[in-house]
Amino acid sequence: MSYSIGQVAEMYKLPVSTVRYYDKMGLFPGLKRESGFRRFSNVDVQALNLIDCLKKSGLSITDIKDFMDLTTKGPSTFEERRELFIEQEATVEKELAEIKKVQAMLQFKHWYYDEAIKLGNEEAVQAMIPDQLPKEIRAAYQLSHN
């Protein structure tokens, strides 16, 4: 099965210009053309899925291009490709930890203002910090204040 650039762009909710740019940058090494039009195979669509993942993990288009070049070199680059995924996984894990810290602060502040509204003042809520906080809120407080 093959897909037009418009179909691929729609699948990934991308502008057609972005898919063209990816092609221009060499991110689809095996992309075929029929009568001058790009035709994306299932392999190309899977490559776009990987490109999307690598971009979201923080990799630049240049680094993704380097990775795609490695894929054309066969098994001799398996270790190098594996290392890239190990590094990106570590990057994402750090980002997740930061996001969890932000989420904990939001959870704590949500609870804090619910209590302040209920009690009519902040002083009573502040007096609860940290030892008299409910268990779940205390955990959120501690995570967000480390």
C-alpha atoms as a PDB file:
ATOM      1  CA  MET A   1       0.000   0.000   0.000  1.00  0.00           C
ATOM      2  CA  SER A   2       1.189   3.518  -0.671  1.00  0.00           C
ATOM      3  CA  TYR A   3       0.012   6.895   0.547  1.00  0.00           C
ATOM      4  CA  SER A   4       0.100  10.407  -0.836  1.00  0.00           C
ATOM      5  CA  ILE A   5       1.806  13.193   1.054  1.00  0.00           C
ATOM      6  CA  GLY A   6      -1.611  14.589   1.947  1.00  0.00           C
ATOM      7  CA  GLN A   7      -2.737  11.280   3.422  1.00  0.00           C
ATOM      8  CA  VAL A   8       0.440  10.971   5.476  1.00  0.00           C
ATOM      9  CA  ALA A   9       0.175  14.561   6.691  1.00  0.00           C
ATOM     10  CA  GLU A  10      -3.419  13.950   7.732  1.00  0.00           C
ATOM     11  CA  MET A  11      -2.509  10.721   9.567  1.00  0.00           C
ATOM     12  CA  TYR A  12      -0.009  12.618  11.711  1.00  0.00           C
ATOM     13  CA  LYS A  13      -1.882  15.930  11.893  1.00  0.00           C
ATOM     14  CA  LEU A  14       1.055  17.682  10.257  1.00  0.00           C
ATOM     15  CA  PRO A  15       1.127  20.351   7.599  1.00  0.00           C
ATOM     16  CA  VAL A  16       2.080  18.968   4.181  1.00  0.00           C
ATOM     17  CA  SER A  17       4.967  21.459   4.211  1.00  0.00           C
ATOM     18  CA  THR A  18       6.429  19.709   7.279  1.00  0.00           C
ATOM     19  CA  VAL A  19       6.351  16.314   5.584  1.00  0.00           C
ATOM     20  CA  ARG A  20       7.987  17.878   2.498  1.00  0.00           C
ATOM     21  CA  TYR A  21      10.654  19.407   4.755  1.00  0.00           C
ATOM     22  CA  TYR A  22      11.352  16.027   6.350  1.00  0.00           C
ATOM     23  CA  ASP A  23      11.752  14.537   2.892  1.00  0.00           C
ATOM     24  CA  LYS A  24      14.034  17.397   1.807  1.00  0.00           C
ATOM     25  CA  MET A  25      16.155  16.762   4.922  1.00  0.00           C
ATOM     26  CA  GLY A  26      16.535  13.110   3.889  1.00  0.00           C
ATOM     27  CA  LEU A  27      14.465  11.552   6.662  1.00  0.00           C
ATOM     28  CA  PHE A  28      12.809   9.093   4.251  1.00  0.00           C
ATOM     29  CA  PRO A  29      15.795   7.419   2.585  1.00  0.00           C
ATOM     30  CA  GLY A  30      13.697   4.909   0.613  1.00  0.00           C
ATOM     31  CA  LEU A  31      10.875   7.228  -0.458  1.00  0.00           C
ATOM     32  CA  LYS A  32       9.577   6.465  -3.959  1.00  0.00           C
ATOM     33  CA  ARG A  33       8.139   8.868  -6.492  1.00  0.00           C
ATOM     34  CA  GLU A  34       5.504   8.106  -9.077  1.00  0.00           C
ATOM     35  CA  SER A  35       5.140  10.641 -11.898  1.00  0.00           C
ATOM     36  CA  GLY A  36       6.962  13.169  -9.706  1.00  0.00           C
ATOM     37  CA  PHE A  37       4.688  12.652  -6.693  1.00  0.00           C
ATOM     38  CA  ARG A  38       5.899  11.280  -3.380  1.00  0.00           C
ATOM     39  CA  ARG A  39       4.433   7.882  -2.525  1.00  0.00           C
ATOM     40  CA  PHE A  40       4.851   6.774   1.078  1.00  0.00           C
ATOM     41  CA  SER A  41       5.065   3.067   1.856  1.00  0.00           C
ATOM     42  CA  ASN A  42       4.140   1.503   5.182  1.00  0.00           C
ATOM     43  CA  VAL A  43       7.867   1.619   6.023  1.00  0.00           C
ATOM     44  CA  ASP A  44       7.918   5.378   5.353  1.00  0.00           C
ATOM     45  CA  VAL A  45       4.838   5.845   7.530  1.00  0.00           C
ATOM     46  CA  GLN A  46       6.532   3.869  10.313  1.00  0.00           C
ATOM     47  CA  ALA A  47       9.588   6.097   9.859  1.00  0.00           C
ATOM     48  CA  LEU A  48       7.384   9.157  10.353  1.00  0.00           C
ATOM     49  CA  ASN A  49       6.078   7.632  13.564  1.00  0.00           C
ATOM     50  CA  LEU A  50       9.680   7.225  14.745  1.00  0.00           C
ATOM     51  CA  ILE A  51      10.586  10.758  13.615  1.00  0.00           C
ATOM     52  CA  ASP A  52       7.649  12.087  15.636  1.00  0.00           C
ATOM     53  CA  CYS A  53       8.812  10.125  18.700  1.00  0.00           C
ATOM     54  CA  LEU A  54      12.420  11.281  18.386  1.00  0.00           C
ATOM     55  CA  LYS A  55      11.355  14.910  17.950  1.00  0.00           C
ATOM     56  CA  LYS A  56       9.168  14.710  21.042  1.00  0.00           C
ATOM     57  CA  SER A  57      12.094  13.205  22.946  1.00  0.00           C
ATOM     58  CA  GLY A  58      14.115  16.339  22.194  1.00  0.00           C
ATOM     59  CA  LEU A  59      16.206  15.257  19.219  1.00  0.00           C
ATOM     60  CA  SER A  60      16.906  17.830  16.511  1.00  0.00           C
ATOM     61  CA  ILE A  61      16.066  17.206  12.862  1.00  0.00           C
ATOM     62  CA  THR A  62      19.813  17.028  12.143  1.00  0.00           C
ATOM     63  CA  ASP A  63      20.259  14.309  14.769  1.00  0.00           C
ATOM     64  CA  ILE A  64      17.231  12.441  13.426  1.00  0.00           C
ATOM     65  CA  LYS A  65      18.760  12.660   9.941  1.00  0.00           C
ATOM     66  CA  ASP A  66      21.992  11.176  11.309  1.00  0.00           C
ATOM     67  CA  PHE A  67      19.960   8.346  12.843  1.00  0.00           C
ATOM     68  CA  MET A  68      18.073   7.702   9.592  1.00  0.00           C
ATOM     69  CA  ASP A  69      21.416   7.586   7.771  1.00  0.00           C
ATOM     70  CA  LEU A  70      22.576   4.924  10.220  1.00  0.00           C
ATOM     71  CA  THR A  71      19.521   2.803   9.413  1.00  0.00           C
ATOM     72  CA  THR A  72      20.657   2.563   5.801  1.00  0.00           C
ATOM     73  CA  LYS A  73      24.035   1.139   6.857  1.00  0.00           C
ATOM     74  CA  GLY A  74      22.645  -2.096   8.249  1.00  0.00           C
ATOM     75  CA  PRO A  75      23.541  -4.163  11.296  1.00  0.00           C
ATOM     76  CA  SER A  76      26.968  -2.591  11.792  1.00  0.00           C
ATOM     77  CA  THR A  77      25.185   0.447  13.309  1.00  0.00           C
ATOM     78  CA  PHE A  78      22.878  -1.429  15.688  1.00  0.00           C
ATOM     79  CA  GLU A  79      24.955  -0.525  18.762  1.00  0.00           C
ATOM     80  CA  GLU A  80      25.120   3.163  17.814  1.00  0.00           C
ATOM     81  CA  ARG A  81      21.373   3.260  17.198  1.00  0.00           C
ATOM     82  CA  ARG A  82      20.715   1.462  20.486  1.00  0.00           C
ATOM     83  CA  GLU A  83      22.826   4.050  22.363  1.00  0.00           C
ATOM     84  CA  LEU A  84      20.734   6.856  20.909  1.00  0.00           C
ATOM     85  CA  PHE A  85      17.585   5.296  22.337  1.00  0.00           C
ATOM     86  CA  ILE A  86      19.222   4.743  25.719  1.00  0.00           C
ATOM     87  CA  GLU A  87      20.233   8.429  25.837  1.00  0.00           C
ATOM     88  CA  GLN A  88      16.821   9.671  24.736  1.00  0.00           C
ATOM     89  CA  GLU A  89      15.055   7.426  27.224  1.00  0.00           C
ATOM     90  CA  ALA A  90      17.185   8.928  30.015  1.00  0.00           C
ATOM     91  CA  THR A  91      16.338  12.427  28.755  1.00  0.00           C
ATOM     92  CA  VAL A  92      12.625  11.668  28.780  1.00  0.00           C
ATOM     93  CA  GLU A  93      12.851  10.132  32.268  1.00  0.00           C
ATOM     94  CA  LYS A  94      14.413  13.374  33.571  1.00  0.00           C
ATOM     95  CA  GLU A  95      11.682  15.413  31.900  1.00  0.00           C
ATOM     96  CA  LEU A  96       9.008  13.159  33.409  1.00  0.00           C
ATOM     97  CA  ALA A  97      10.494  13.669  36.877  1.00  0.00           C
ATOM     98  CA  GLU A  98      10.303  17.436  36.402  1.00  0.00           C
ATOM     99  CA  ILE A  99       6.726  17.210  35.158  1.00  0.00           C
ATOM    100  CA  LYS A 100       5.775  15.072  38.176  1.00  0.00           C
ATOM    101  CA  LYS A 101       7.269  17.747  40.426  1.00  0.00           C
ATOM    102  CA  VAL A 102       5.194  20.414  38.668  1.00  0.00           C
ATOM    103  CA  GLN A 103       2.094  18.247  38.938  1.00  0.00           C
ATOM    104  CA  ALA A 104       2.714  17.772  42.655  1.00  0.00           C
ATOM    105  CA  MET A 105       2.935  21.549  43.160  1.00  0.00           C
ATOM    106  CA  LEU A 106      -0.324  22.035  41.267  1.00  0.00           C
ATOM    107  CA  GLN A 107      -2.002  19.313  43.328  1.00  0.00           C
ATOM    108  CA  PHE A 108      -0.761  20.856  46.567  1.00  0.00           C
ATOM    109  CA  LYS A 109      -1.829  24.400  45.593  1.00  0.00           C
ATOM    110  CA  HIS A 110      -5.232  23.150  44.440  1.00  0.00           C
ATOM    111  CA  TRP A 111      -5.770  21.548  47.825  1.00  0.00           C
ATOM    112  CA  TYR A 112      -4.306  24.614  49.593  1.00  0.00           C
ATOM    113  CA  TYR A 113      -6.781  27.025  48.011  1.00  0.00           C
ATOM    114  CA  ASP A 114      -9.709  24.624  48.461  1.00  0.00           C
ATOM    115  CA  GLU A 115      -8.885  24.640  52.171  1.00  0.00           C
ATOM    116  CA  ALA A 116      -8.328  28.411  52.301  1.00  0.00           C
ATOM    117  CA  ILE A 117     -11.739  28.950  50.692  1.00  0.00           C
ATOM    118  CA  LYS A 118     -13.378  26.466  53.055  1.00  0.00           C
ATOM    119  CA  LEU A 119     -11.741  27.973  56.172  1.00  0.00           C
ATOM    120  CA  GLY A 120     -11.940  31.571  55.003  1.00  0.00           C
ATOM    121  CA  ASN A 121      -8.248  32.302  55.506  1.00  0.00           C
ATOM    122  CA  GLU A 122      -4.760  31.081  54.656  1.00  0.00           C
ATOM    123  CA  GLU A 123      -3.291  31.200  58.144  1.00  0.00           C
ATOM    124  CA  ALA A 124      -5.104  28.036  59.250  1.00  0.00           C
ATOM    125  CA  VAL A 125      -3.910  26.229  56.127  1.00  0.00           C
ATOM    126  CA  GLN A 126      -0.328  27.432  56.546  1.00  0.00           C
ATOM    127  CA  ALA A 127      -0.349  26.161  60.118  1.00  0.00           C
ATOM    128  CA  MET A 128      -0.967  22.654  58.751  1.00  0.00           C
ATOM    129  CA  ILE A 129       2.219  22.654  56.651  1.00  0.00           C
ATOM    130  CA  PRO A 130       3.867  20.171  56.564  1.00  0.00           C
ATOM    131  CA  ASP A 131       3.104  17.843  59.469  1.00  0.00           C
ATOM    132  CA  GLN A 132      -0.691  18.190  59.587  1.00  0.00           C
ATOM    133  CA  LEU A 133      -1.296  17.866  55.877  1.00  0.00           C
ATOM    134  CA  PRO A 134      -3.329  14.893  54.679  1.00  0.00           C
ATOM    135  CA  LYS A 135      -1.003  12.044  53.670  1.00  0.00           C
ATOM    136  CA  GLU A 136      -1.471  12.415  49.882  1.00  0.00           C
ATOM    137  CA  ILE A 137      -1.112  16.189  50.028  1.00  0.00           C
ATOM    138  CA  ARG A 138       1.961  15.912  52.268  1.00  0.00           C
ATOM    139  CA  ALA A 139       3.575  13.660  49.647  1.00  0.00           C
ATOM    140  CA  ALA A 140       2.740  16.188  46.913  1.00  0.00           C
ATOM    141  CA  TYR A 141       4.064  19.026  49.085  1.00  0.00           C
ATOM    142  CA  GLN A 142       7.327  17.204  49.786  1.00  0.00           C
ATOM    143  CA  LEU A 143       7.868  16.281  46.143  1.00  0.00           C
ATOM    144  CA  SER A 144       7.143  19.813  44.951  1.00  0.00           C
ATOM    145  CA  HIS A 145       9.402  21.444  47.538  1.00  0.00           C
ATOM    146  CA  ASN A 146      12.506  19.291  47.007  1.00  0.00           C
END
